[in-house]
C-alpha atoms as a PDB file:
ATOM      1  CA  MET A   1      16.087 -20.718   3.786  1.00  0.00           C
ATOM      2  CA  VAL A   2      14.566 -17.248   3.353  1.00  0.00           C
ATOM      3  CA  THR A   3      14.384 -14.612   6.073  1.00  0.00           C
ATOM      4  CA  ILE A   4      11.808 -11.887   5.543  1.00  0.00           C
ATOM      5  CA  VAL A   5      12.072  -8.529   7.300  1.00  0.00           C
ATOM      6  CA  GLY A   6       8.701  -6.806   7.530  1.00  0.00           C
ATOM      7  CA  GLY A   7       5.286  -8.408   7.951  1.00  0.00           C
ATOM      8  CA  GLY A   8       3.187  -6.129   5.813  1.00  0.00           C
ATOM      9  CA  ILE A   9       1.223  -7.218   2.755  1.00  0.00           C
ATOM     10  CA  ALA A  10       4.181  -8.414   0.660  1.00  0.00           C
ATOM     11  CA  GLY A  11       6.197 -10.001   3.470  1.00  0.00           C
ATOM     12  CA  THR A  12       3.286 -11.905   5.003  1.00  0.00           C
ATOM     13  CA  VAL A  13       1.911 -13.370   1.784  1.00  0.00           C
ATOM     14  CA  LEU A  14       5.427 -14.247   0.581  1.00  0.00           C
ATOM     15  CA  ALA A  15       6.212 -16.131   3.801  1.00  0.00           C
ATOM     16  CA  GLY A  16       3.005 -18.130   3.499  1.00  0.00           C
ATOM     17  CA  ALA A  17       3.469 -18.861  -0.206  1.00  0.00           C
ATOM     18  CA  LEU A  18       7.055 -20.076   0.246  1.00  0.00           C
ATOM     19  CA  ALA A  19       6.228 -22.317   3.211  1.00  0.00           C
ATOM     20  CA  ARG A  20       3.185 -23.666   1.369  1.00  0.00           C
ATOM     21  CA  HIS A  21       5.598 -25.006  -1.260  1.00  0.00           C
ATOM     22  CA  GLY A  22       7.955 -26.501   1.318  1.00  0.00           C
ATOM     23  CA  HIS A  23      10.463 -23.644   1.187  1.00  0.00           C
ATOM     24  CA  PRO A  24      11.543 -22.630   4.742  1.00  0.00           C
ATOM     25  CA  ALA A  25      10.655 -19.038   5.566  1.00  0.00           C
ATOM     26  CA  THR A  26      11.087 -16.947   8.718  1.00  0.00           C
ATOM     27  CA  LEU A  27       9.446 -13.547   9.089  1.00  0.00           C
ATOM     28  CA  TYR A  28      10.152 -10.733  11.568  1.00  0.00           C
ATOM     29  CA  GLU A  29       7.595  -7.949  12.089  1.00  0.00           C
ATOM     30  CA  ARG A  30       8.246  -5.059  14.460  1.00  0.00           C
ATOM     31  CA  GLN A  31       4.625  -4.492  15.540  1.00  0.00           C
ATOM     32  CA  ALA A  32       2.976  -7.041  17.804  1.00  0.00           C
ATOM     33  CA  ASN A  33      -0.469  -6.284  16.366  1.00  0.00           C
ATOM     34  CA  PRO A  34       0.031  -4.062  13.320  1.00  0.00           C
ATOM     35  CA  ARG A  35      -3.057  -1.875  12.757  1.00  0.00           C
ATOM     36  CA  ASN A  36      -3.498   1.501  11.126  1.00  0.00           C
ATOM     37  CA  GLY A  37      -7.161   1.946  10.205  1.00  0.00           C
ATOM     38  CA  GLN A  38      -6.511   2.887   6.581  1.00  0.00           C
ATOM     39  CA  PHE A  39      -8.289   1.366   3.621  1.00  0.00           C
ATOM     40  CA  LEU A  40      -7.148   0.463   0.148  1.00  0.00           C
ATOM     41  CA  VAL A  41      -8.418  -0.897  -3.144  1.00  0.00           C
ATOM     42  CA  LEU A  42      -7.088  -3.969  -4.950  1.00  0.00           C
ATOM     43  CA  ASP A  43      -7.866  -4.642  -8.610  1.00  0.00           C
ATOM     44  CA  GLY A  44      -8.264  -7.866 -10.548  1.00  0.00           C
ATOM     45  CA  ARG A  45      -4.530  -8.206 -11.153  1.00  0.00           C
ATOM     46  CA  ALA A  46      -3.813  -8.094  -7.430  1.00  0.00           C
ATOM     47  CA  HIS A  47      -6.519 -10.643  -6.715  1.00  0.00           C
ATOM     48  CA  GLN A  48      -5.191 -12.975  -9.403  1.00  0.00           C
ATOM     49  CA  ALA A  49      -1.703 -12.753  -7.900  1.00  0.00           C
ATOM     50  CA  LEU A  50      -3.054 -13.509  -4.428  1.00  0.00           C
ATOM     51  CA  SER A  51      -4.985 -16.497  -5.781  1.00  0.00           C
ATOM     52  CA  ASP A  52      -1.853 -17.768  -7.564  1.00  0.00           C
ATOM     53  CA  LEU A  53       0.020 -17.500  -4.261  1.00  0.00           C
ATOM     54  CA  GLY A  54      -2.614 -19.677  -2.601  1.00  0.00           C
ATOM     55  CA  VAL A  55      -4.811 -17.183  -0.745  1.00  0.00           C
ATOM     56  CA  GLU A  56      -8.459 -18.281  -0.832  1.00  0.00           C
ATOM     57  CA  THR A  57     -10.640 -16.002  -2.940  1.00  0.00           C
ATOM     58  CA  GLU A  58     -13.625 -16.647  -0.674  1.00  0.00           C
ATOM     59  CA  ARG A  59     -11.720 -15.310   2.335  1.00  0.00           C
ATOM     60  CA  LEU A  60     -10.716 -12.197   0.419  1.00  0.00           C
ATOM     61  CA  HIS A  61     -14.274 -11.563  -0.742  1.00  0.00           C
ATOM     62  CA  ALA A  62     -15.630 -12.000   2.776  1.00  0.00           C
ATOM     63  CA  ALA A  63     -13.190  -9.345   4.047  1.00  0.00           C
ATOM     64  CA  SER A  64     -13.870  -6.725   1.359  1.00  0.00           C
ATOM     65  CA  HIS A  65     -16.480  -4.725  -0.548  1.00  0.00           C
ATOM     66  CA  PRO A  66     -16.893  -4.988  -4.344  1.00  0.00           C
ATOM     67  CA  LEU A  67     -16.732  -1.891  -6.541  1.00  0.00           C
ATOM     68  CA  THR A  68     -18.957  -1.575  -9.587  1.00  0.00           C
ATOM     69  CA  ALA A  69     -17.108   1.420 -11.048  1.00  0.00           C
ATOM     70  CA  LEU A  70     -14.649   4.256 -10.476  1.00  0.00           C
ATOM     71  CA  ARG A  71     -15.930   7.792 -11.130  1.00  0.00           C
ATOM     72  CA  ILE A  72     -13.495  10.693 -11.483  1.00  0.00           C
ATOM     73  CA  ALA A  73     -14.731  14.296 -11.649  1.00  0.00           C
ATOM     74  CA  TYR A  74     -12.497  17.372 -11.668  1.00  0.00           C
ATOM     75  CA  THR A  75     -14.409  20.567 -12.556  1.00  0.00           C
ATOM     76  CA  ALA A  76     -16.092  19.841 -15.919  1.00  0.00           C
ATOM     77  CA  ASN A  77     -13.901  16.838 -16.678  1.00  0.00           C
ATOM     78  CA  GLU A  78     -15.784  13.711 -15.609  1.00  0.00           C
ATOM     79  CA  ARG A  79     -15.385  10.082 -16.573  1.00  0.00           C
ATOM     80  CA  THR A  80     -16.513   6.722 -15.215  1.00  0.00           C
ATOM     81  CA  ARG A  81     -14.867   3.387 -15.867  1.00  0.00           C
ATOM     82  CA  PRO A  82     -16.174  -0.043 -14.932  1.00  0.00           C
ATOM     83  CA  SER A  83     -14.530  -1.964 -12.147  1.00  0.00           C
ATOM     84  CA  GLU A  84     -11.847  -4.434 -13.194  1.00  0.00           C
ATOM     85  CA  GLY A  85     -12.260  -6.728 -10.224  1.00  0.00           C
ATOM     86  CA  HIS A  86     -11.714  -3.856  -7.782  1.00  0.00           C
ATOM     87  CA  ARG A  87     -12.576  -4.432  -4.120  1.00  0.00           C
ATOM     88  CA  LEU A  88     -12.186  -2.119  -1.122  1.00  0.00           C
ATOM     89  CA  TYR A  89     -10.475  -3.403   2.029  1.00  0.00           C
ATOM     90  CA  PHE A  90      -9.721  -2.007   5.413  1.00  0.00           C
ATOM     91  CA  ARG A  91      -6.025  -2.740   5.605  1.00  0.00           C
ATOM     92  CA  ASP A  92      -6.448  -4.479   8.961  1.00  0.00           C
ATOM     93  CA  ASP A  93      -8.991  -6.886   7.451  1.00  0.00           C
ATOM     94  CA  LEU A  94      -6.738  -7.713   4.490  1.00  0.00           C
ATOM     95  CA  MET A  95      -3.803  -8.290   6.837  1.00  0.00           C
ATOM     96  CA  ARG A  96      -5.930 -10.611   8.969  1.00  0.00           C
ATOM     97  CA  VAL A  97      -6.636 -12.808   5.923  1.00  0.00           C
ATOM     98  CA  LEU A  98      -2.977 -12.831   4.869  1.00  0.00           C
ATOM     99  CA  ALA A  99      -1.755 -13.551   8.404  1.00  0.00           C
ATOM    100  CA  ASP A 100      -4.165 -16.494   8.702  1.00  0.00           C
ATOM    101  CA  PHE A 101      -2.883 -17.762   5.355  1.00  0.00           C
ATOM    102  CA  ALA A 102       0.734 -17.596   6.556  1.00  0.00           C
ATOM    103  CA  ARG A 103      -0.022 -19.097   9.980  1.00  0.00           C
ATOM    104  CA  ALA A 104      -1.632 -22.118   8.337  1.00  0.00           C
ATOM    105  CA  THR A 105       1.773 -23.036   6.876  1.00  0.00           C
ATOM    106  CA  SER A 106       5.107 -23.993   8.418  1.00  0.00           C
ATOM    107  CA  ALA A 107       6.403 -20.410   8.127  1.00  0.00           C
ATOM    108  CA  GLU A 108       7.970 -19.100  11.339  1.00  0.00           C
ATOM    109  CA  LEU A 109       6.373 -15.758  12.187  1.00  0.00           C
ATOM    110  CA  TYR A 110       7.797 -13.502  14.899  1.00  0.00           C
ATOM    111  CA  ASP A 111       5.738 -10.420  15.766  1.00  0.00           C
ATOM    112  CA  GLY A 112       7.067  -7.668  17.983  1.00  0.00           C
ATOM    113  CA  VAL A 113      10.674  -8.115  16.793  1.00  0.00           C
ATOM    114  CA  SER A 114      12.096  -4.862  15.419  1.00  0.00           C
ATOM    115  CA  ILE A 115      15.040  -5.398  13.077  1.00  0.00           C
ATOM    116  CA  THR A 116      17.248  -2.383  13.688  1.00  0.00           C
ATOM    117  CA  ASP A 117      20.255  -3.183  11.502  1.00  0.00           C
ATOM    118  CA  VAL A 118      21.203  -5.329   8.526  1.00  0.00           C
ATOM    119  CA  ASP A 119      24.708  -6.231   7.361  1.00  0.00           C
ATOM    120  CA  PRO A 120      24.742  -5.611   3.592  1.00  0.00           C
ATOM    121  CA  ALA A 121      27.645  -8.006   3.071  1.00  0.00           C
ATOM    122  CA  THR A 122      26.332 -11.032   4.985  1.00  0.00           C
ATOM    123  CA  GLY A 123      22.630 -10.429   5.539  1.00  0.00           C
ATOM    124  CA  ALA A 124      23.074 -10.811   9.306  1.00  0.00           C
ATOM    125  CA  LEU A 125      20.380  -9.023  11.288  1.00  0.00           C
ATOM    126  CA  ARG A 126      20.210  -7.233  14.600  1.00  0.00           C
ATOM    127  CA  ALA A 127      17.238  -6.531  16.822  1.00  0.00           C
ATOM    128  CA  GLY A 128      18.674  -3.974  19.214  1.00  0.00           C
ATOM    129  CA  ASP A 129      21.507  -5.742  21.047  1.00  0.00           C
ATOM    130  CA  THR A 130      20.456  -9.178  19.795  1.00  0.00           C
ATOM    131  CA  ALA A 131      22.168 -10.733  16.783  1.00  0.00           C
ATOM    132  CA  ILE A 132      19.935 -12.784  14.488  1.00  0.00           C
ATOM    133  CA  ALA A 133      21.553 -15.175  12.053  1.00  0.00           C
ATOM    134  CA  ALA A 134      20.028 -15.202   8.579  1.00  0.00           C
ATOM    135  CA  ASP A 135      21.185 -18.359   6.812  1.00  0.00           C
ATOM    136  CA  GLY A 136      20.381 -17.763   3.178  1.00  0.00           C
ATOM    137  CA  LEU A 137      18.554 -15.007   1.365  1.00  0.00           C
ATOM    138  CA  VAL A 138      17.051 -11.971   3.143  1.00  0.00           C
ATOM    139  CA  ILE A 139      13.975 -10.344   1.596  1.00  0.00           C
ATOM    140  CA  ALA A 140      13.496  -6.855   2.987  1.00  0.00           C
ATOM    141  CA  SER A 141       9.848  -5.824   2.796  1.00  0.00           C
ATOM    142  CA  ASP A 142      10.115  -3.402   5.699  1.00  0.00           C
ATOM    143  CA  GLY A 143       8.237  -0.506   4.171  1.00  0.00           C
ATOM    144  CA  THR A 144       8.884   3.037   3.023  1.00  0.00           C
ATOM    145  CA  ASP A 145      11.333   3.707   5.875  1.00  0.00           C
ATOM    146  CA  SER A 146      13.223   0.477   5.220  1.00  0.00           C
ATOM    147  CA  VAL A 147      16.173  -0.210   7.501  1.00  0.00           C
ATOM    148  CA  ALA A 148      17.612  -2.524   4.867  1.00  0.00           C
ATOM    149  CA  ARG A 149      17.439   0.074   2.081  1.00  0.00           C
ATOM    150  CA  ALA A 150      19.102   2.628   4.363  1.00  0.00           C
ATOM    151  CA  ARG A 151      22.062   0.236   4.727  1.00  0.00           C
ATOM    152  CA  LEU A 152      22.165  -0.934   1.112  1.00  0.00           C
ATOM    153  CA  GLU A 153      21.478   2.390  -0.606  1.00  0.00           C
ATOM    154  CA  PRO A 154      21.756   5.221   1.914  1.00  0.00           C
ATOM    155  CA  ASP A 155      21.252   7.890  -0.756  1.00  0.00           C
ATOM    156  CA  ARG A 156      17.953   6.426  -2.032  1.00  0.00           C
ATOM    157  CA  LYS A 157      15.614   7.948   0.518  1.00  0.00           C
ATOM    158  CA  ALA A 158      11.858   8.293   0.644  1.00  0.00           C
ATOM    159  CA  GLU A 159      10.669  11.607  -0.800  1.00  0.00           C
ATOM    160  CA  TYR A 160       7.557  13.604   0.003  1.00  0.00           C
ATOM    161  CA  ALA A 161       5.090  13.229  -2.886  1.00  0.00           C
ATOM    162  CA  GLY A 162       3.517  16.656  -2.402  1.00  0.00           C
ATOM    163  CA  GLN A 163       0.249  15.666  -0.730  1.00  0.00           C
ATOM    164  CA  THR A 164      -1.247  15.081   2.680  1.00  0.00           C
ATOM    165  CA  VAL A 165      -3.753  12.209   2.764  1.00  0.00           C
ATOM    166  CA  VAL A 166      -6.562  12.064   5.336  1.00  0.00           C
ATOM    167  CA  TYR A 167      -8.575   8.841   5.799  1.00  0.00           C
ATOM    168  CA  GLY A 168     -11.965   8.694   7.514  1.00  0.00           C
ATOM    169  CA  THR A 169     -14.605   6.042   8.244  1.00  0.00           C
ATOM    170  CA  THR A 170     -18.076   7.100   9.337  1.00  0.00           C
ATOM    171  CA  ASN A 171     -19.543   5.783  12.568  1.00  0.00           C
ATOM    172  CA  HIS A 172     -22.599   4.437  10.750  1.00  0.00           C
ATOM    173  CA  PRO A 173     -23.397   3.342   7.198  1.00  0.00           C
ATOM    174  CA  LEU A 174     -24.727   6.394   5.352  1.00  0.00           C
ATOM    175  CA  ARG A 175     -27.056   6.600   2.369  1.00  0.00           C
ATOM    176  CA  LEU A 176     -25.743   9.411   0.196  1.00  0.00           C
ATOM    177  CA  ASP A 177     -26.876  11.126  -3.002  1.00  0.00           C
ATOM    178  CA  SER A 178     -23.994   9.552  -4.930  1.00  0.00           C
ATOM    179  CA  GLU A 179     -24.159   6.106  -6.516  1.00  0.00           C
ATOM    180  CA  PRO A 180     -23.434   3.233  -4.092  1.00  0.00           C
ATOM    181  CA  SER A 181     -20.585   0.725  -4.549  1.00  0.00           C
ATOM    182  CA  VAL A 182     -18.713   3.230  -6.723  1.00  0.00           C
ATOM    183  CA  LEU A 183     -15.386   4.760  -5.720  1.00  0.00           C
ATOM    184  CA  HIS A 184     -15.945   8.475  -6.360  1.00  0.00           C
ATOM    185  CA  PHE A 185     -13.142  11.013  -6.821  1.00  0.00           C
ATOM    186  CA  GLN A 186     -14.140  14.695  -6.832  1.00  0.00           C
ATOM    187  CA  GLY A 187     -11.815  17.666  -6.643  1.00  0.00           C
ATOM    188  CA  GLN A 188     -10.051  20.609  -8.170  1.00  0.00           C
ATOM    189  CA  LEU A 189      -7.224  20.715 -10.671  1.00  0.00           C
ATOM    190  CA  GLY A 190      -4.204  22.753  -9.625  1.00  0.00           C
ATOM    191  CA  THR A 191      -1.733  24.799 -11.600  1.00  0.00           C
ATOM    192  CA  GLY A 192       0.895  22.073 -11.371  1.00  0.00           C
ATOM    193  CA  VAL A 193       0.934  18.351 -11.996  1.00  0.00           C
ATOM    194  CA  LEU A 194      -1.049  17.491  -8.871  1.00  0.00           C
ATOM    195  CA  PRO A 195      -4.709  18.403  -8.252  1.00  0.00           C
ATOM    196  CA  SER A 196      -4.978  21.039  -5.527  1.00  0.00           C
ATOM    197  CA  GLY A 197      -7.387  18.782  -3.668  1.00  0.00           C
ATOM    198  CA  THR A 198      -9.318  15.549  -4.027  1.00  0.00           C
ATOM    199  CA  PHE A 199     -12.182  14.099  -2.009  1.00  0.00           C
ATOM    200  CA  GLY A 200     -12.851  10.402  -2.508  1.00  0.00           C
ATOM    201  CA  HIS A 201     -15.665   8.341  -1.045  1.00  0.00           C
ATOM    202  CA  PHE A 202     -17.333   4.946  -1.173  1.00  0.00           C
ATOM    203  CA  TRP A 203     -20.514   3.690   0.447  1.00  0.00           C
ATOM    204  CA  ASN A 204     -22.818   0.706   0.462  1.00  0.00           C
ATOM    205  CA  ASP A 205     -25.349  -0.696   2.925  1.00  0.00           C
ATOM    206  CA  ASP A 206     -22.594  -1.784   5.321  1.00  0.00           C
ATOM    207  CA  VAL A 207     -19.921   0.904   5.314  1.00  0.00           C
ATOM    208  CA  ALA A 208     -19.035   4.455   4.284  1.00  0.00           C
ATOM    209  CA  VAL A 209     -15.427   5.629   3.931  1.00  0.00           C
ATOM    210  CA  TRP A 210     -13.788   8.747   2.612  1.00  0.00           C
ATOM    211  CA  PHE A 211     -10.379  10.255   2.025  1.00  0.00           C
ATOM    212  CA  THR A 212      -8.919  13.606   1.093  1.00  0.00           C
ATOM    213  CA  ARG A 213      -5.672  14.379  -0.705  1.00  0.00           C
ATOM    214  CA  ILE A 214      -4.450  17.945  -0.258  1.00  0.00           C
ATOM    215  CA  THR A 215      -1.495  19.396  -2.149  1.00  0.00           C
ATOM    216  CA  GLN A 216       0.546  21.297   0.420  1.00  0.00           C
ATOM    217  CA  PRO A 217       3.959  21.318   2.169  1.00  0.00           C
ATOM    218  CA  GLU A 218       4.928  18.232   4.139  1.00  0.00           C
ATOM    219  CA  LEU A 219       3.456  18.014   7.630  1.00  0.00           C
ATOM    220  CA  PRO A 220       5.697  17.658  10.701  1.00  0.00           C
ATOM    221  CA  PRO A 221       5.586  14.194  12.306  1.00  0.00           C
ATOM    222  CA  GLU A 222       3.404  15.333  15.212  1.00  0.00           C
ATOM    223  CA  ALA A 223       0.670  16.422  12.766  1.00  0.00           C
ATOM    224  CA  THR A 224       0.389  12.945  11.238  1.00  0.00           C
ATOM    225  CA  GLY A 225      -1.241   9.861  12.765  1.00  0.00           C
ATOM    226  CA  THR A 226      -4.693   9.808  14.387  1.00  0.00           C
ATOM    227  CA  HIS A 227      -6.496  13.101  15.034  1.00  0.00           C
ATOM    228  CA  PRO A 228     -10.060  14.353  15.681  1.00  0.00           C
ATOM    229  CA  ALA A 229     -11.978  14.647  12.413  1.00  0.00           C
ATOM    230  CA  ALA A 230     -13.149  18.126  13.434  1.00  0.00           C
ATOM    231  CA  ASP A 231      -9.568  19.386  13.245  1.00  0.00           C
ATOM    232  CA  TRP A 232      -9.533  18.626   9.516  1.00  0.00           C
ATOM    233  CA  ALA A 233     -13.112  19.518   8.610  1.00  0.00           C
ATOM    234  CA  GLU A 234     -12.393  22.858   6.932  1.00  0.00           C
ATOM    235  CA  ALA A 235      -9.427  21.549   4.934  1.00  0.00           C
ATOM    236  CA  VAL A 236     -11.477  18.581   3.774  1.00  0.00           C
ATOM    237  CA  ARG A 237     -14.378  20.822   2.697  1.00  0.00           C
ATOM    238  CA  SER A 238     -12.054  23.006   0.631  1.00  0.00           C
ATOM    239  CA  ALA A 239     -10.797  20.023  -1.375  1.00  0.00           C
ATOM    240  CA  ALA A 240     -14.144  19.528  -3.121  1.00  0.00           C
ATOM    241  CA  PRO A 241     -16.308  22.669  -2.868  1.00  0.00           C
ATOM    242  CA  ALA A 242     -18.807  21.338  -5.428  1.00  0.00           C
ATOM    243  CA  ILE A 243     -20.051  18.639  -3.019  1.00  0.00           C
ATOM    244  CA  THR A 244     -19.788  20.283   0.397  1.00  0.00           C
ATOM    245  CA  ASP A 245     -23.132  18.854   1.588  1.00  0.00           C
ATOM    246  CA  LEU A 246     -21.906  15.298   0.987  1.00  0.00           C
ATOM    247  CA  VAL A 247     -18.502  16.060   2.506  1.00  0.00           C
ATOM    248  CA  ASP A 248     -20.087  17.637   5.582  1.00  0.00           C
ATOM    249  CA  ALA A 249     -22.382  14.643   6.103  1.00  0.00           C
ATOM    250  CA  MET A 250     -19.473  12.205   6.062  1.00  0.00           C
ATOM    251  CA  VAL A 251     -17.101  14.280   8.180  1.00  0.00           C
ATOM    252  CA  ALA A 252     -19.829  14.992  10.770  1.00  0.00           C
ATOM    253  CA  ASP A 253     -20.324  11.241  11.281  1.00  0.00           C
ATOM    254  CA  THR A 254     -16.569  10.577  11.652  1.00  0.00           C
ATOM    255  CA  ASP A 255     -14.850  10.773  15.041  1.00  0.00           C
ATOM    256  CA  THR A 256     -11.177  10.420  14.117  1.00  0.00           C
ATOM    257  CA  VAL A 257      -9.078  10.483  10.963  1.00  0.00           C
ATOM    258  CA  ARG A 258      -5.745   8.995   9.966  1.00  0.00           C
ATOM    259  CA  VAL A 259      -3.309  11.526   8.474  1.00  0.00           C
ATOM    260  CA  ILE A 260      -0.194  10.653   6.465  1.00  0.00           C
ATOM    261  CA  ASN A 261       2.394  12.369   4.314  1.00  0.00           C
ATOM    262  CA  ALA A 262       2.301  10.656   0.903  1.00  0.00           C
ATOM    263  CA  ARG A 263       5.810   9.565  -0.050  1.00  0.00           C
ATOM    264  CA  ASN A 264       7.619   7.886  -2.914  1.00  0.00           C
ATOM    265  CA  VAL A 265      10.778   5.787  -2.972  1.00  0.00           C
ATOM    266  CA  PRO A 266      12.498   6.621  -6.281  1.00  0.00           C
ATOM    267  CA  LEU A 267      13.565   3.795  -8.596  1.00  0.00           C
ATOM    268  CA  PRO A 268      15.840   5.746 -10.968  1.00  0.00           C
ATOM    269  CA  GLY A 269      19.453   5.186  -9.956  1.00  0.00           C
ATOM    270  CA  ALA A 270      18.679   2.170  -7.764  1.00  0.00           C
ATOM    271  CA  GLN A 271      21.423  -0.411  -7.391  1.00  0.00           C
ATOM    272  CA  PRO A 272      20.680  -3.734  -9.136  1.00  0.00           C
ATOM    273  CA  PRO A 273      19.060  -6.318  -6.843  1.00  0.00           C
ATOM    274  CA  ARG A 274      21.563  -8.846  -5.553  1.00  0.00           C
ATOM    275  CA  PRO A 275      21.937 -11.316  -2.680  1.00  0.00           C
ATOM    276  CA  PRO A 276      22.213 -11.599   0.226  1.00  0.00           C
ATOM    277  CA  ILE A 277      19.524  -8.886   0.589  1.00  0.00           C
ATOM    278  CA  ILE A 278      16.784  -8.122  -1.933  1.00  0.00           C
ATOM    279  CA  LEU A 279      14.320  -5.282  -1.441  1.00  0.00           C
ATOM    280  CA  CYS A 280      10.618  -5.873  -2.041  1.00  0.00           C
ATOM    281  CA  GLY A 281       7.417  -3.815  -2.130  1.00  0.00           C
ATOM    282  CA  ASP A 282       7.401  -0.354  -0.541  1.00  0.00           C
ATOM    283  CA  ALA A 283      10.960  -0.851   0.698  1.00  0.00           C
ATOM    284  CA  ASP A 284      12.059  -0.775  -2.928  1.00  0.00           C
ATOM    285  CA  HIS A 285       9.528   1.374  -4.798  1.00  0.00           C
ATOM    286  CA  ALA A 286       6.846   2.925  -2.565  1.00  0.00           C
ATOM    287  CA  ILE A 287       4.463   5.205  -4.433  1.00  0.00           C
ATOM    288  CA  THR A 288       1.924   7.782  -3.273  1.00  0.00           C
ATOM    289  CA  PRO A 289      -1.591   6.439  -2.554  1.00  0.00           C
ATOM    290  CA  ALA A 290      -2.781   8.734  -5.359  1.00  0.00           C
ATOM    291  CA  ALA A 291      -1.448   6.170  -7.825  1.00  0.00           C
ATOM    292  CA  GLY A 292      -3.705   3.482  -6.375  1.00  0.00           C
ATOM    293  CA  VAL A 293      -1.282   0.654  -7.192  1.00  0.00           C
ATOM    294  CA  GLY A 294       1.144   0.425  -4.263  1.00  0.00           C
ATOM    295  CA  ALA A 295      -0.459  -2.627  -2.665  1.00  0.00           C
ATOM    296  CA  ARG A 296      -0.815  -4.371  -6.019  1.00  0.00           C
ATOM    297  CA  ASP A 297       2.838  -3.717  -6.824  1.00  0.00           C
ATOM    298  CA  ALA A 298       3.860  -5.260  -3.486  1.00  0.00           C
ATOM    299  CA  ILE A 299       1.681  -8.333  -4.066  1.00  0.00           C
ATOM    300  CA  GLU A 300       3.085  -8.824  -7.563  1.00  0.00           C
ATOM    301  CA  ASP A 301       6.608  -8.522  -6.133  1.00  0.00           C
ATOM    302  CA  ALA A 302       5.776 -11.313  -3.705  1.00  0.00           C
ATOM    303  CA  ALA A 303       4.366 -13.437  -6.533  1.00  0.00           C
ATOM    304  CA  ALA A 304       7.491 -12.937  -8.669  1.00  0.00           C
ATOM    305  CA  LEU A 305       9.838 -13.778  -5.795  1.00  0.00           C
ATOM    306  CA  ALA A 306       7.792 -16.812  -4.750  1.00  0.00           C
ATOM    307  CA  ALA A 307       7.826 -18.133  -8.318  1.00  0.00           C
ATOM    308  CA  ALA A 308      11.594 -17.680  -8.582  1.00  0.00           C
ATOM    309  CA  LEU A 309      12.425 -19.206  -5.210  1.00  0.00           C
ATOM    310  CA  THR A 310      10.152 -22.228  -5.553  1.00  0.00           C
ATOM    311  CA  THR A 311      11.395 -23.076  -9.054  1.00  0.00           C
ATOM    312  CA  GLY A 312      15.103 -22.517  -8.519  1.00  0.00           C
ATOM    313  CA  ALA A 313      15.217 -19.342 -10.616  1.00  0.00           C
ATOM    314  CA  ASP A 314      17.203 -16.243  -9.680  1.00  0.00           C
ATOM    315  CA  PRO A 315      15.232 -14.019  -7.264  1.00  0.00           C
ATOM    316  CA  ALA A 316      17.476 -11.036  -8.022  1.00  0.00           C
ATOM    317  CA  ALA A 317      16.667 -11.353 -11.719  1.00  0.00           C
ATOM    318  CA  ALA A 318      12.971 -11.637 -10.848  1.00  0.00           C
ATOM    319  CA  MET A 319      13.074  -8.357  -8.919  1.00  0.00           C
ATOM    320  CA  ALA A 320      15.079  -6.667 -11.683  1.00  0.00           C
ATOM    321  CA  GLU A 321      12.323  -7.646 -14.100  1.00  0.00           C
ATOM    322  CA  ARG A 322       9.698  -6.367 -11.665  1.00  0.00           C
ATOM    323  CA  ARG A 323      11.455  -3.002 -11.509  1.00  0.00           C
ATOM    324  CA  LYS A 324      11.416  -2.831 -15.307  1.00  0.00           C
ATOM    325  CA  GLN A 325       7.694  -3.625 -15.418  1.00  0.00           C
ATOM    326  CA  ILE A 326       6.866  -1.067 -12.727  1.00  0.00           C
ATOM    327  CA  THR A 327       8.929   1.670 -14.391  1.00  0.00           C
ATOM    328  CA  GLU A 328       7.366   1.063 -17.814  1.00  0.00           C
ATOM    329  CA  GLU A 329       3.856   1.076 -16.354  1.00  0.00           C
ATOM    330  CA  ARG A 330       4.407   4.270 -14.368  1.00  0.00           C
ATOM    331  CA  ASP A 331       5.871   5.994 -17.440  1.00  0.00           C
ATOM    332  CA  ARG A 332       2.847   4.951 -19.499  1.00  0.00           C
ATOM    333  CA  ILE A 333       0.392   6.257 -16.885  1.00  0.00           C
ATOM    334  CA  ALA A 334       2.307   9.543 -16.622  1.00  0.00           C
ATOM    335  CA  ARG A 335       2.060  10.039 -20.397  1.00  0.00           C
ATOM    336  CA  LEU A 336      -1.678   9.338 -20.377  1.00  0.00           C
ATOM    337  CA  TYR A 337      -2.177  11.809 -17.524  1.00  0.00           C
ATOM    338  CA  GLU A 338      -0.337  14.541 -19.390  1.00  0.00           C
ATOM    339  CA  GLN A 339      -2.419  13.916 -22.524  1.00  0.00           C
ATOM    340  CA  ARG A 340      -5.662  14.259 -20.546  1.00  0.00           C
ATOM    341  CA  ARG A 341      -4.555  17.572 -19.058  1.00  0.00           C
ATOM    342  CA  ARG A 342      -3.972  19.126 -22.482  1.00  0.00           C
END
């Protein structure tokens, strides 16, 4: 028996994959209808992991938009690389596919149940005043502000990653001067490690989306969430002054934006994974959206845990190996980034 706390990408697909193989799984998600309006990109590795878990490729393709390339331009430094199976999703659409996948199995899914406490010694759960027995392993995939991680490792807290991220979707499909079906990144390099600002956009005949990453102090909670696009217009324009006409066209056709503080959950110094509670996805190793791999990392966590649990292997060892893989990959990317800046 596996109890999963958190019905995001990792938790939902893991519940469905386990139940699909006859392994009992119960999932608790605090939001009755989780929606946030953000979008994300999954690459070929993520799609292969989802296929291995049993999610139908046709359903994923129907809910997403294919990318032909990724173009990155900062001042005079420009490069384009072909897509490696990349597709753009609205997060709500991806979650709809994963929820349908899980609901088609024997997994027990409980929406609108907020787990407020976890006993690190026994794995017993509480939802407010209600005790919830968890017979067996607990997988905590309850996000960056994980209740389980706060109880297991109170000193390993989410940290601000130095950037505000603003997401926008235009009211109508727009035909722009840039190449369609390409994820474009345009911006300015800063004096530090992070660019001072980045404007990203994607468009095809059906949709046009954009985002801005701005290096600045962390916003107070009341400044995050959904806001009028006009409130952010000037800040968005300043992120990519070389393409202000394109930026203005997209922002002018956008009513509201979603604003977040990008945050990381540090892996160095983490306690080794061990039953009865194992952290998964953002609860264990959230990374800023600038890295572009957070959703893939969560999906690959789910795949590793599903493989271990359905074959009788050690899920704690599987997550320890995942941490090693993630750390090595992030270190490699950081070295490449430093080389390109020189």
